[in-house]
Each structure stands twice: as structure tokens, then as C-alpha cells.
C-alpha atoms as a PDB file:
ATOM      1  CA  MET A   1     118.948  87.921-143.216  1.00  0.00           C
ATOM      2  CA  ASN A   2     122.321  89.660-143.100  1.00  0.00           C
ATOM      3  CA  TYR A   3     125.380  87.441-143.223  1.00  0.00           C
ATOM      4  CA  PRO A   4     128.192  89.489-141.647  1.00  0.00           C
ATOM      5  CA  PHE A   5     130.934  87.102-142.696  1.00  0.00           C
ATOM      6  CA  ARG A   6     130.882  88.909-146.063  1.00  0.00           C
ATOM      7  CA  GLN A   7     133.130  91.496-144.465  1.00  0.00           C
ATOM      8  CA  ILE A   8     134.287  89.938-141.181  1.00  0.00           C
ATOM      9  CA  LEU A   9     136.316  87.161-142.744  1.00  0.00           C
ATOM     10  CA  THR A  10     137.406  88.831-145.978  1.00  0.00           C
ATOM     11  CA  LEU A  11     140.920  87.475-145.730  1.00  0.00           C
ATOM     12  CA  SER A  12     139.698  83.944-145.037  1.00  0.00           C
ATOM     13  CA  ILE A  13     137.372  84.058-148.026  1.00  0.00           C
ATOM     14  CA  VAL A  14     140.215  85.111-150.315  1.00  0.00           C
ATOM     15  CA  ILE A  15     142.153  82.078-149.149  1.00  0.00           C
ATOM     16  CA  ILE A  16     139.137  79.839-149.539  1.00  0.00           C
ATOM     17  CA  SER A  17     138.478  81.106-153.054  1.00  0.00           C
ATOM     18  CA  CYS A  18     141.816  79.574-153.992  1.00  0.00           C
ATOM     19  CA  LEU A  19     140.614  76.226-152.690  1.00  0.00           C
ATOM     20  CA  GLN A  20     137.233  75.943-154.390  1.00  0.00           C
ATOM     21  CA  SER A  21     137.869  72.289-155.197  1.00  0.00           C
ATOM     22  CA  CYS A  22     137.739  71.619-151.447  1.00  0.00           C
ATOM     23  CA  LEU A  23     134.329  73.270-151.008  1.00  0.00           C
ATOM     24  CA  PRO A  24     130.830  71.846-151.570  1.00  0.00           C
ATOM     25  CA  SER A  25     130.094  71.591-155.286  1.00  0.00           C
ATOM     26  CA  ARG A  26     126.625  70.059-155.095  1.00  0.00           C
ATOM     27  CA  LYS A  27     123.454  71.868-154.164  1.00  0.00           C
ATOM     28  CA  PHE A  28     122.297  71.208-150.613  1.00  0.00           C
ATOM     29  CA  GLU A  29     119.354  69.116-151.811  1.00  0.00           C
ATOM     30  CA  ASN A  30     121.636  66.815-153.828  1.00  0.00           C
ATOM     31  CA  ALA A  31     124.348  66.423-151.212  1.00  0.00           C
ATOM     32  CA  LYS A  32     124.752  63.803-148.506  1.00  0.00           C
ATOM     33  CA  HIS A  33     124.423  65.055-144.942  1.00  0.00           C
ATOM     34  CA  PRO A  34     125.857  63.655-141.697  1.00  0.00           C
ATOM     35  CA  GLN A  35     123.725  61.767-139.208  1.00  0.00           C
ATOM     36  CA  ALA A  36     122.136  63.826-136.439  1.00  0.00           C
ATOM     37  CA  PRO A  37     123.648  63.598-132.927  1.00  0.00           C
ATOM     38  CA  ASP A  38     121.845  61.630-130.235  1.00  0.00           C
ATOM     39  CA  TYR A  39     121.993  64.013-127.291  1.00  0.00           C
ATOM     40  CA  SER A  40     121.210  61.300-124.782  1.00  0.00           C
ATOM     41  CA  LYS A  41     124.812  60.163-125.326  1.00  0.00           C
ATOM     42  CA  GLU A  42     127.483  62.112-123.475  1.00  0.00           C
ATOM     43  CA  GLU A  43     129.901  61.891-126.392  1.00  0.00           C
ATOM     44  CA  THR A  44     127.660  64.269-128.363  1.00  0.00           C
ATOM     45  CA  TRP A  45     128.475  67.044-125.874  1.00  0.00           C
ATOM     46  CA  VAL A  46     131.706  69.023-125.956  1.00  0.00           C
ATOM     47  CA  ALA A  47     131.224  70.125-122.352  1.00  0.00           C
ATOM     48  CA  LEU A  48     129.167  68.837-119.434  1.00  0.00           C
ATOM     49  CA  PRO A  49     129.508  70.138-115.865  1.00  0.00           C
ATOM     50  CA  TRP A  50     130.100  66.769-114.175  1.00  0.00           C
ATOM     51  CA  ARG A  51     133.211  65.874-116.144  1.00  0.00           C
ATOM     52  CA  PHE A  52     136.540  67.576-116.873  1.00  0.00           C
ATOM     53  CA  ASP A  53     136.589  69.089-120.362  1.00  0.00           C
ATOM     54  CA  ALA A  54     137.515  72.168-122.368  1.00  0.00           C
ATOM     55  CA  ALA A  55     135.032  74.443-120.600  1.00  0.00           C
ATOM     56  CA  ASP A  56     136.743  73.859-117.236  1.00  0.00           C
ATOM     57  CA  CYS A  57     140.033  75.542-118.120  1.00  0.00           C
ATOM     58  CA  ILE A  58     141.141  79.003-116.989  1.00  0.00           C
ATOM     59  CA  PRO A  59     144.291  81.068-117.662  1.00  0.00           C
ATOM     60  CA  GLN A  60     147.138  80.525-115.186  1.00  0.00           C
ATOM     61  CA  ASN A  61     147.002  84.004-113.667  1.00  0.00           C
ATOM     62  CA  CYS A  62     143.218  84.266-113.595  1.00  0.00           C
ATOM     63  CA  SER A  63     142.107  85.357-110.118  1.00  0.00           C
ATOM     64  CA  ILE A  64     138.566  83.961-110.422  1.00  0.00           C
ATOM     65  CA  PRO A  65     138.410  80.137-110.189  1.00  0.00           C
ATOM     66  CA  ASP A  66     136.124  77.636-111.873  1.00  0.00           C
ATOM     67  CA  GLN A  67     133.069  77.337-109.611  1.00  0.00           C
ATOM     68  CA  GLN A  68     130.837  74.969-111.545  1.00  0.00           C
ATOM     69  CA  ASP A  69     130.473  72.582-108.603  1.00  0.00           C
ATOM     70  CA  SER A  70     128.573  75.175-106.555  1.00  0.00           C
ATOM     71  CA  ALA A  71     127.037  77.249-109.375  1.00  0.00           C
ATOM     72  CA  GLN A  72     123.343  78.051-109.073  1.00  0.00           C
ATOM     73  CA  VAL A  73     122.838  78.744-112.783  1.00  0.00           C
ATOM     74  CA  ASP A  74     123.619  76.936-116.038  1.00  0.00           C
ATOM     75  CA  VAL A  75     125.299  78.121-119.234  1.00  0.00           C
ATOM     76  CA  PHE A  76     124.262  76.851-122.657  1.00  0.00           C
ATOM     77  CA  TYR A  77     127.131  77.730-125.015  1.00  0.00           C
ATOM     78  CA  VAL A  78     127.442  77.208-128.796  1.00  0.00           C
ATOM     79  CA  TYR A  79     130.855  77.500-130.462  1.00  0.00           C
ATOM     80  CA  PRO A  80     131.598  79.474-133.665  1.00  0.00           C
ATOM     81  CA  THR A  81     132.550  78.201-137.103  1.00  0.00           C
ATOM     82  CA  ALA A  82     135.335  75.639-137.012  1.00  0.00           C
ATOM     83  CA  TYR A  83     134.376  74.069-140.347  1.00  0.00           C
ATOM     84  CA  VAL A  84     136.102  76.320-142.898  1.00  0.00           C
ATOM     85  CA  ILE A  85     137.098  73.995-145.736  1.00  0.00           C
ATOM     86  CA  GLY A  86     135.390  70.736-146.708  1.00  0.00           C
ATOM     87  CA  ILE A  87     133.331  68.924-149.323  1.00  0.00           C
ATOM     88  CA  ASN A  88     130.043  68.851-147.371  1.00  0.00           C
ATOM     89  CA  TRP A  89     127.651  71.630-146.448  1.00  0.00           C
ATOM     90  CA  ASN A  90     127.568  70.478-142.840  1.00  0.00           C
ATOM     91  CA  ALA A  91     130.304  68.941-140.734  1.00  0.00           C
ATOM     92  CA  LYS A  92     130.023  65.607-138.978  1.00  0.00           C
ATOM     93  CA  TYR A  93     129.424  66.410-135.327  1.00  0.00           C
ATOM     94  CA  ASP A  94     132.150  63.945-134.322  1.00  0.00           C
ATOM     95  CA  SER A  95     134.658  64.869-137.008  1.00  0.00           C
ATOM     96  CA  LYS A  96     138.161  64.034-135.787  1.00  0.00           C
ATOM     97  CA  ASN A  97     139.559  66.746-138.055  1.00  0.00           C
ATOM     98  CA  LEU A  98     137.522  69.407-136.248  1.00  0.00           C
ATOM     99  CA  MET A  99     137.597  68.028-132.714  1.00  0.00           C
ATOM    100  CA  THR A 100     140.744  69.852-131.617  1.00  0.00           C
ATOM    101  CA  ARG A 101     139.565  73.132-133.112  1.00  0.00           C
ATOM    102  CA  ILE A 102     136.150  72.841-131.462  1.00  0.00           C
ATOM    103  CA  CYS A 103     137.675  72.051-128.077  1.00  0.00           C
ATOM    104  CA  ASN A 104     140.069  75.000-128.407  1.00  0.00           C
ATOM    105  CA  LEU A 105     137.194  77.350-129.217  1.00  0.00           C
ATOM    106  CA  THR A 106     135.178  76.030-126.287  1.00  0.00           C
ATOM    107  CA  GLU A 107     138.156  76.411-123.981  1.00  0.00           C
ATOM    108  CA  SER A 108     138.870  79.991-125.033  1.00  0.00           C
ATOM    109  CA  GLN A 109     135.247  81.167-124.922  1.00  0.00           C
ATOM    110  CA  ALA A 110     132.941  78.965-122.834  1.00  0.00           C
ATOM    111  CA  SER A 111     135.480  78.887-120.016  1.00  0.00           C
ATOM    112  CA  ALA A 112     134.749  82.571-119.406  1.00  0.00           C
ATOM    113  CA  PHE A 113     131.459  81.458-117.857  1.00  0.00           C
ATOM    114  CA  ASN A 114     132.639  78.618-115.599  1.00  0.00           C
ATOM    115  CA  ALA A 115     132.914  80.940-112.593  1.00  0.00           C
ATOM    116  CA  CYS A 116     129.174  81.628-112.589  1.00  0.00           C
ATOM    117  CA  GLY A 117     127.482  78.607-114.150  1.00  0.00           C
ATOM    118  CA  LYS A 118     127.574  74.927-115.065  1.00  0.00           C
ATOM    119  CA  VAL A 119     128.562  74.793-118.736  1.00  0.00           C
ATOM    120  CA  TYR A 120     126.731  72.684-121.325  1.00  0.00           C
ATOM    121  CA  THR A 121     128.045  72.685-124.909  1.00  0.00           C
ATOM    122  CA  PRO A 122     126.636  70.422-127.652  1.00  0.00           C
ATOM    123  CA  PHE A 123     128.454  69.206-130.695  1.00  0.00           C
ATOM    124  CA  TYR A 124     126.420  70.035-133.798  1.00  0.00           C
ATOM    125  CA  ARG A 125     126.499  69.608-137.559  1.00  0.00           C
ATOM    126  CA  GLN A 126     127.661  73.134-138.158  1.00  0.00           C
ATOM    127  CA  ALA A 127     127.418  74.790-141.547  1.00  0.00           C
ATOM    128  CA  ILE A 128     130.590  75.326-143.550  1.00  0.00           C
ATOM    129  CA  LEU A 129     131.853  78.921-143.700  1.00  0.00           C
ATOM    130  CA  LYS A 130     130.758  79.205-147.340  1.00  0.00           C
ATOM    131  CA  SER A 131     127.142  78.934-146.138  1.00  0.00           C
ATOM    132  CA  PHE A 132     127.269  82.592-145.148  1.00  0.00           C
ATOM    133  CA  LEU A 133     128.086  83.530-148.747  1.00  0.00           C
ATOM    134  CA  ASN A 134     125.825  81.188-150.680  1.00  0.00           C
ATOM    135  CA  LYS A 135     122.223  82.414-150.900  1.00  0.00           C
ATOM    136  CA  LYS A 136     120.699  79.148-152.128  1.00  0.00           C
ATOM    137  CA  SER A 137     122.263  76.265-150.214  1.00  0.00           C
ATOM    138  CA  GLY A 138     123.811  78.303-147.392  1.00  0.00           C
ATOM    139  CA  PRO A 139     120.591  79.035-145.480  1.00  0.00           C
ATOM    140  CA  LYS A 140     119.616  75.361-145.724  1.00  0.00           C
ATOM    141  CA  ALA A 141     122.948  74.302-144.249  1.00  0.00           C
ATOM    142  CA  LEU A 142     122.370  76.747-141.398  1.00  0.00           C
ATOM    143  CA  ASP A 143     118.862  75.329-140.943  1.00  0.00           C
ATOM    144  CA  LEU A 144     120.366  71.863-140.527  1.00  0.00           C
ATOM    145  CA  ALA A 145     122.826  73.174-137.955  1.00  0.00           C
ATOM    146  CA  TYR A 146     119.950  74.844-136.138  1.00  0.00           C
ATOM    147  CA  GLU A 147     118.041  71.547-135.937  1.00  0.00           C
ATOM    148  CA  ASP A 148     120.854  70.208-133.737  1.00  0.00           C
ATOM    149  CA  ILE A 149     121.040  73.280-131.511  1.00  0.00           C
ATOM    150  CA  LYS A 150     117.299  73.196-130.972  1.00  0.00           C
ATOM    151  CA  ALA A 151     117.327  69.447-130.250  1.00  0.00           C
ATOM    152  CA  SER A 152     120.247  69.746-127.819  1.00  0.00           C
ATOM    153  CA  PHE A 153     118.639  72.669-125.986  1.00  0.00           C
ATOM    154  CA  GLN A 154     115.352  70.806-125.679  1.00  0.00           C
ATOM    155  CA  TYR A 155     117.203  67.776-124.326  1.00  0.00           C
ATOM    156  CA  TYR A 156     119.039  69.962-121.818  1.00  0.00           C
ATOM    157  CA  MET A 157     115.790  71.592-120.701  1.00  0.00           C
ATOM    158  CA  LYS A 158     113.960  68.278-120.336  1.00  0.00           C
ATOM    159  CA  TYR A 159     116.586  66.268-118.478  1.00  0.00           C
ATOM    160  CA  TRP A 160     119.118  68.618-116.891  1.00  0.00           C
ATOM    161  CA  ASN A 161     117.790  72.112-116.345  1.00  0.00           C
ATOM    162  CA  LYS A 162     115.212  71.279-113.636  1.00  0.00           C
ATOM    163  CA  GLY A 163     113.976  74.852-113.422  1.00  0.00           C
ATOM    164  CA  ARG A 164     117.404  76.451-112.924  1.00  0.00           C
ATOM    165  CA  PRO A 165     118.255  79.919-114.271  1.00  0.00           C
ATOM    166  CA  PHE A 166     120.477  79.820-117.347  1.00  0.00           C
ATOM    167  CA  ILE A 167     122.760  81.949-119.507  1.00  0.00           C
ATOM    168  CA  ILE A 168     122.824  81.655-123.296  1.00  0.00           C
ATOM    169  CA  ALA A 169     126.258  82.283-124.842  1.00  0.00           C
ATOM    170  CA  GLY A 170     127.803  81.935-128.273  1.00  0.00           C
ATOM    171  CA  HIS A 171     129.991  83.483-130.918  1.00  0.00           C
ATOM    172  CA  SER A 172     129.638  83.981-134.662  1.00  0.00           C
ATOM    173  CA  GLN A 173     127.744  81.013-136.152  1.00  0.00           C
ATOM    174  CA  GLY A 174     126.914  80.004-132.586  1.00  0.00           C
ATOM    175  CA  SER A 175     125.294  83.388-131.959  1.00  0.00           C
ATOM    176  CA  ASN A 176     123.458  83.179-135.269  1.00  0.00           C
ATOM    177  CA  LEU A 177     121.874  79.875-134.269  1.00  0.00           C
ATOM    178  CA  LEU A 178     121.204  80.957-130.688  1.00  0.00           C
ATOM    179  CA  THR A 179     119.425  84.093-131.869  1.00  0.00           C
ATOM    180  CA  ARG A 180     116.967  81.890-133.728  1.00  0.00           C
ATOM    181  CA  LEU A 181     116.685  79.588-130.722  1.00  0.00           C
ATOM    182  CA  ILE A 182     115.772  82.497-128.469  1.00  0.00           C
ATOM    183  CA  LYS A 183     113.185  83.774-130.950  1.00  0.00           C
ATOM    184  CA  GLU A 184     111.512  80.365-131.246  1.00  0.00           C
ATOM    185  CA  GLU A 185     111.935  78.842-127.791  1.00  0.00           C
ATOM    186  CA  ILE A 186     112.527  81.570-125.181  1.00  0.00           C
ATOM    187  CA  ASP A 187     111.482  85.085-126.155  1.00  0.00           C
ATOM    188  CA  ASN A 188     108.038  86.066-124.853  1.00  0.00           C
ATOM    189  CA  THR A 189     107.479  82.663-123.198  1.00  0.00           C
ATOM    190  CA  GLU A 190     107.446  81.462-119.599  1.00  0.00           C
ATOM    191  CA  LEU A 191     110.967  80.157-120.154  1.00  0.00           C
ATOM    192  CA  GLN A 192     112.236  83.713-120.554  1.00  0.00           C
ATOM    193  CA  LYS A 193     111.830  84.185-116.795  1.00  0.00           C
ATOM    194  CA  GLN A 194     114.713  81.737-116.281  1.00  0.00           C
ATOM    195  CA  LEU A 195     117.054  83.576-118.656  1.00  0.00           C
ATOM    196  CA  VAL A 196     119.785  85.471-116.829  1.00  0.00           C
ATOM    197  CA  ALA A 197     121.195  86.976-120.047  1.00  0.00           C
ATOM    198  CA  ALA A 198     122.167  86.056-123.600  1.00  0.00           C
ATOM    199  CA  TYR A 199     125.706  86.807-124.794  1.00  0.00           C
ATOM    200  CA  LEU A 200     125.258  86.787-128.593  1.00  0.00           C
ATOM    201  CA  ILE A 201     128.731  87.895-129.632  1.00  0.00           C
ATOM    202  CA  GLY A 202     130.058  88.392-133.166  1.00  0.00           C
ATOM    203  CA  MET A 203     126.722  88.736-134.983  1.00  0.00           C
ATOM    204  CA  PRO A 204     124.629  91.852-135.713  1.00  0.00           C
ATOM    205  CA  ILE A 205     121.494  91.753-133.562  1.00  0.00           C
ATOM    206  CA  PRO A 206     118.991  94.501-134.443  1.00  0.00           C
ATOM    207  CA  GLU A 207     116.997  95.812-131.490  1.00  0.00           C
ATOM    208  CA  SER A 208     113.813  94.678-133.258  1.00  0.00           C
ATOM    209  CA  THR A 209     114.971  91.025-133.312  1.00  0.00           C
ATOM    210  CA  PHE A 210     113.112  89.927-130.191  1.00  0.00           C
ATOM    211  CA  GLN A 211     109.611  90.702-128.952  1.00  0.00           C
ATOM    212  CA  LYS A 212     110.410  91.075-125.254  1.00  0.00           C
ATOM    213  CA  LEU A 213     114.164  90.632-124.819  1.00  0.00           C
ATOM    214  CA  PRO A 214     115.952  94.021-124.787  1.00  0.00           C
ATOM    215  CA  ILE A 215     119.584  94.829-125.430  1.00  0.00           C
ATOM    216  CA  ALA A 216     121.588  95.354-122.230  1.00  0.00           C
ATOM    217  CA  THR A 217     122.369  98.925-121.212  1.00  0.00           C
ATOM    218  CA  GLU A 218     123.738  98.300-117.700  1.00  0.00           C
ATOM    219  CA  ALA A 219     126.300  95.886-116.229  1.00  0.00           C
ATOM    220  CA  ARG A 220     123.878  94.215-113.807  1.00  0.00           C
ATOM    221  CA  GLN A 221     120.850  94.130-116.085  1.00  0.00           C
ATOM    222  CA  THR A 222     119.257  90.707-116.509  1.00  0.00           C
ATOM    223  CA  ASN A 223     116.767  89.139-118.893  1.00  0.00           C
ATOM    224  CA  CYS A 224     118.505  90.893-121.776  1.00  0.00           C
ATOM    225  CA  TYR A 225     120.956  90.227-124.598  1.00  0.00           C
ATOM    226  CA  ILE A 226     124.517  91.472-125.154  1.00  0.00           C
ATOM    227  CA  SER A 227     126.271  91.714-128.506  1.00  0.00           C
ATOM    228  CA  TRP A 228     129.251  93.375-130.149  1.00  0.00           C
ATOM    229  CA  ASN A 229     131.423  93.060-133.243  1.00  0.00           C
ATOM    230  CA  THR A 230     135.032  94.231-132.987  1.00  0.00           C
ATOM    231  CA  PHE A 231     136.965  96.229-135.590  1.00  0.00           C
ATOM    232  CA  LYS A 232     140.081  98.339-135.884  1.00  0.00           C
ATOM    233  CA  TYR A 233     139.544 101.855-134.602  1.00  0.00           C
ATOM    234  CA  GLY A 234     138.118 104.135-137.294  1.00  0.00           C
ATOM    235  CA  THR A 235     136.573 101.389-139.444  1.00  0.00           C
ATOM    236  CA  VAL A 236     133.449 102.503-141.312  1.00  0.00           C
ATOM    237  CA  LEU A 237     131.268  99.822-142.853  1.00  0.00           C
ATOM    238  CA  LYS A 238     128.687 100.144-145.582  1.00  0.00           C
ATOM    239  CA  GLU A 239     125.394  99.349-143.908  1.00  0.00           C
ATOM    240  CA  LYS A 240     123.761  97.659-146.902  1.00  0.00           C
ATOM    241  CA  LYS A 241     126.606  95.176-147.217  1.00  0.00           C
ATOM    242  CA  PHE A 242     127.172  94.448-143.592  1.00  0.00           C
ATOM    243  CA  PHE A 243     125.530  95.113-140.279  1.00  0.00           C
ATOM    244  CA  GLY A 244     122.201  96.605-141.182  1.00  0.00           C
ATOM    245  CA  LYS A 245     120.691  97.845-137.938  1.00  0.00           C
ATOM    246  CA  GLY A 246     122.784  95.795-135.541  1.00  0.00           C
ATOM    247  CA  LYS A 247     123.781  97.397-132.247  1.00  0.00           C
ATOM    248  CA  SER A 248     126.802  96.830-130.019  1.00  0.00           C
ATOM    249  CA  VAL A 249     127.317  96.851-126.265  1.00  0.00           C
ATOM    250  CA  ASN A 250     130.697  98.113-125.051  1.00  0.00           C
ATOM    251  CA  PRO A 251     132.130  95.275-122.904  1.00  0.00           C
ATOM    252  CA  LEU A 252     134.253  97.765-120.942  1.00  0.00           C
ATOM    253  CA  SER A 253     131.228  99.742-119.762  1.00  0.00           C
ATOM    254  CA  TRP A 254     128.321  97.396-120.592  1.00  0.00           C
ATOM    255  CA  LYS A 255     126.500 100.331-122.164  1.00  0.00           C
ATOM    256  CA  THR A 256     125.411 100.993-125.740  1.00  0.00           C
ATOM    257  CA  ASP A 257     126.426 104.666-125.850  1.00  0.00           C
ATOM    258  CA  THR A 258     129.479 105.988-127.698  1.00  0.00           C
ATOM    259  CA  THR A 259     131.543 106.840-124.606  1.00  0.00           C
ATOM    260  CA  TYR A 260     135.207 106.000-125.149  1.00  0.00           C
ATOM    261  CA  MET A 261     136.532 103.470-122.629  1.00  0.00           C
ATOM    262  CA  PRO A 262     140.324 103.415-122.143  1.00  0.00           C
ATOM    263  CA  ALA A 263     142.401 100.254-121.904  1.00  0.00           C
ATOM    264  CA  SER A 264     142.657 100.809-118.150  1.00  0.00           C
ATOM    265  CA  ALA A 265     139.023  99.602-117.955  1.00  0.00           C
ATOM    266  CA  ASN A 266     139.979  96.308-119.582  1.00  0.00           C
ATOM    267  CA  LEU A 267     140.401  93.700-116.834  1.00  0.00           C
ATOM    268  CA  GLY A 268     142.361  91.419-119.116  1.00  0.00           C
ATOM    269  CA  GLY A 269     142.323  89.629-122.415  1.00  0.00           C
ATOM    270  CA  ALA A 270     143.204  85.980-122.929  1.00  0.00           C
ATOM    271  CA  PRO A 271     145.062  84.973-126.102  1.00  0.00           C
ATOM    272  CA  THR A 272     143.835  82.013-128.073  1.00  0.00           C
ATOM    273  CA  ARG A 273     146.055  79.540-126.232  1.00  0.00           C
ATOM    274  CA  LEU A 274     144.464  80.705-122.930  1.00  0.00           C
ATOM    275  CA  ASP A 275     147.708  80.402-120.961  1.00  0.00           C
ATOM    276  CA  HIS A 276     147.721  83.862-119.360  1.00  0.00           C
ATOM    277  CA  ILE A 277     145.864  87.146-118.915  1.00  0.00           C
ATOM    278  CA  ASP A 278     147.026  90.335-120.657  1.00  0.00           C
ATOM    279  CA  LEU A 279     145.946  93.277-118.494  1.00  0.00           C
ATOM    280  CA  ASN A 280     144.615  96.389-120.226  1.00  0.00           C
ATOM    281  CA  ILE A 281     144.960  94.741-123.625  1.00  0.00           C
ATOM    282  CA  CYS A 282     142.781  97.249-125.509  1.00  0.00           C
ATOM    283  CA  ASP A 283     140.353 100.132-125.295  1.00  0.00           C
ATOM    284  CA  ALA A 284     136.819 100.115-126.770  1.00  0.00           C
ATOM    285  CA  GLN A 285     134.265 102.497-128.214  1.00  0.00           C
ATOM    286  CA  VAL A 286     130.930 101.872-129.913  1.00  0.00           C
ATOM    287  CA  ASN A 287     130.528 103.617-133.261  1.00  0.00           C
ATOM    288  CA  ARG A 288     127.763 103.101-135.816  1.00  0.00           C
ATOM    289  CA  GLY A 289     126.764  99.730-134.444  1.00  0.00           C
ATOM    290  CA  ILE A 290     130.238  98.190-134.208  1.00  0.00           C
ATOM    291  CA  LEU A 291     132.967  98.166-131.564  1.00  0.00           C
ATOM    292  CA  TRP A 292     136.214 100.005-132.256  1.00  0.00           C
ATOM    293  CA  VAL A 293     139.537  99.116-130.628  1.00  0.00           C
ATOM    294  CA  HIS A 294     142.980 100.512-131.330  1.00  0.00           C
ATOM    295  CA  LYS A 295     145.594  98.214-132.825  1.00  0.00           C
ATOM    296  CA  VAL A 296     146.734  95.464-130.465  1.00  0.00           C
ATOM    297  CA  LYS A 297     150.409  94.617-130.770  1.00  0.00           C
ATOM    298  CA  LYS A 298     150.695  91.622-128.430  1.00  0.00           C
ATOM    299  CA  ASN A 299     150.845  88.087-129.813  1.00  0.00           C
ATOM    300  CA  GLY A 300     147.819  85.807-129.733  1.00  0.00           C
ATOM    301  CA  TYR A 301     145.274  88.286-131.117  1.00  0.00           C
ATOM    302  CA  MET A 302     144.625  87.987-134.847  1.00  0.00           C
ATOM    303  CA  ARG A 303     143.167  90.668-137.096  1.00  0.00           C
ATOM    304  CA  LEU A 304     141.693  89.891-140.526  1.00  0.00           C
ATOM    305  CA  GLY A 305     141.753  93.066-142.567  1.00  0.00           C
ATOM    306  CA  ASP A 306     139.999  95.639-140.397  1.00  0.00           C
ATOM    307  CA  SER A 307     138.179  92.966-138.397  1.00  0.00           C
ATOM    308  CA  TYR A 308     139.034  91.628-134.961  1.00  0.00           C
ATOM    309  CA  HIS A 309     136.194  89.112-135.217  1.00  0.00           C
ATOM    310  CA  LEU A 310     138.396  86.295-133.939  1.00  0.00           C
ATOM    311  CA  CYS A 311     139.109  88.367-130.819  1.00  0.00           C
ATOM    312  CA  ASP A 312     135.531  89.306-129.893  1.00  0.00           C
ATOM    313  CA  PHE A 313     135.875  87.093-126.812  1.00  0.00           C
ATOM    314  CA  SER A 314     139.606  87.076-126.172  1.00  0.00           C
ATOM    315  CA  PHE A 315     140.038  90.863-125.918  1.00  0.00           C
ATOM    316  CA  PHE A 316     137.459  91.039-123.131  1.00  0.00           C
ATOM    317  CA  TYR A 317     137.825  87.653-121.441  1.00  0.00           C
ATOM    318  CA  MET A 318     138.047  88.929-117.849  1.00  0.00           C
ATOM    319  CA  ASN A 319     135.389  91.584-118.360  1.00  0.00           C
ATOM    320  CA  ILE A 320     133.032  88.886-119.634  1.00  0.00           C
ATOM    321  CA  ARG A 321     133.973  86.586-116.748  1.00  0.00           C
ATOM    322  CA  THR A 322     133.345  89.298-114.167  1.00  0.00           C
ATOM    323  CA  ASN A 323     130.171  90.551-115.803  1.00  0.00           C
ATOM    324  CA  ALA A 324     128.633  87.082-116.039  1.00  0.00           C
ATOM    325  CA  ILE A 325     129.084  86.803-112.273  1.00  0.00           C
ATOM    326  CA  GLU A 326     127.542  90.251-111.766  1.00  0.00           C
ATOM    327  CA  ARG A 327     124.471  89.456-113.843  1.00  0.00           C
ATOM    328  CA  THR A 328     124.112  86.065-112.172  1.00  0.00           C
ATOM    329  CA  ASN A 329     124.254  87.596-108.691  1.00  0.00           C
ATOM    330  CA  ALA A 330     121.760  90.286-109.696  1.00  0.00           C
ATOM    331  CA  TYR A 331     119.384  87.670-111.094  1.00  0.00           C
ATOM    332  CA  LEU A 332     119.599  85.499-107.976  1.00  0.00           C
ATOM    333  CA  LEU A 333     119.074  88.520-105.711  1.00  0.00           C
ATOM    334  CA  ASN A 334     116.003  89.637-107.654  1.00  0.00           C
ATOM    335  CA  ASN A 335     114.512  86.148-107.797  1.00  0.00           C
ATOM    336  CA  LYS A 336     114.801  84.917-104.213  1.00  0.00           C
END
């Protein structure tokens, strides 16, 4: 398996390397691990559609309101890595130190889908960032995180889904875990018929990953997956060390070709604090499996080296919001 954080978070890893005493020192097998969440309890969910939470927020000048009350589809969203520094391989799902960070991530990403679906987001014992660098204990920490995502999804399907169409959405570690979930629980099964689309952002997804689920090549395509990884314009990555055969969709055209899309096609980005929309924040072009954008000068959009990994969602917030509605409407029309 390729672990793209080797390049994506180069700057973060340099910082972390200076703090090795704060990282797991024991092998996974010899370490203590947090107790698994009980998903029958509402407090083990970051977001649920019948209560007000982080997934219900929208930027002040967003023209498309939250419509979860009347939504005909669901959204199962998994947040990216919030657990960067710690002494355990996996974070406690109810860690007070991470709670604010997790809620902020859910607000800035999952909220993009609240205009088309009812949002469900589980807390989970996510793997520490170092897991993507450690070949021995790292995969085991990710396996433990996956146990929670699988359990939460199965709980959602058994008690809340009730045959409704659903969207899968995640970023970074969330996309990593959801890719496995789709392979094991959805792809090439009867459940795939309920899948509107899977937004697996910030992870390389080779076209050969799934048996029946194709990469999206059109804006209104359904029963497909969408993925991209954002870098500074002109970045060239060494395939063996990074993306392998991953492929990106351009979120300004929703195609996989290399056509350059100007910033005028960008309906608006949302900075991390999600307090406004920045129109035409950046352009986008697919090149060699990654997404290029020219340098963004406005505040609220962080670059790490050549990587805009932390902005995979925020650069294209309104395009994602609009597209999720488009795919939902297309699915509902084709499945009357």
C-alpha cells in the first residue's frame, strides 16, 4: 500500500521528528489501546442529522442553505488525521485534546454536503500521523482505526439507513479507511446500488482499486468515486515514492482529462475558519495523477512545501457543495 503522507506532509514530519519523545515508542503489539466506541450511544458520533453540530454550519455568504431536514439521501463522512503528536498509536475517540480539532475538520469538510444529505460522522480511534511512515506498527494502527469505521457504518446501515441512497465522503486518513470500507462492504454488492457517489479526497486511488466502482468522468455521474490531491502548479512527484497509479478528478470540471480550468470556474473556496466564501480562489489542472493549482495568496489556505493537501476541500468548497447536489438529483431522477 502507498502511504502518500511521505510527501504530502513533509513539513509536518520535519517538525514531528524534533518531537520523537512525544510519539509512540512501543511496538503496536506491546502498547495499550483505547476502548472501542459504542455506536449505539450518540456521544460516539461527531455529527447526526437530528441535532445541531459541526456538520450543520455553512459560510456566511453561502447561497445554498443546509437542507438536511428534507434531504432524501444520507452522507457518511470520515474526518482526516487530527492526531499528529501523542504517545499512543491510536487516539481515544473521545479525547478532549482532539475534540476541537475534529469538530473543526468536520465543520470545514462535512458541511459541504449538508445541502444534499443528512450527515452522519462517527468518532473513531484514528491512527497517529506516524502510522503512515512506520511499516511495522503503522498498518496495524490503521487496521484498528478501520475496525471503528466498519462498525460505525454497519450500525448506521442497520438502524438508520432504512434503504436510503447515501454518499460516502472523507479526506486523507478518512479516505484511506473509506476506500477499504467500500472494497469490503459496498463494491460489487447489492449495497452498491444505493451509493450515489464516493468522495475519496486526499488519497491516491488507482483505477484498479474497485471491482465495479469507476472513477467519475462527468459532473452528474453516479455510482462512482471522485478523488484528487492538490499541489502547487508545476509539481512533479516521483511515482515510486508517492502516488503510484493514483488518478485525479478536476473539481472545476469533474473530468479526469488534463484540460486547464481557470479560476473563473471556481465557485468559491472556504478558508479553514469557514466564515466566508472566496470566489474564484484558484484554478486547477490534472497532471500526472495529481491536481495542480497556482499559488493562492489569500489567508486561510495553508501550503506545506509543494503540497496543498490541507486545502483539498477548502479550495473547492462550493464546487463540491454544488456537485453533490447535482449527483444527488441525477441519482434520484434515475432511480424513481
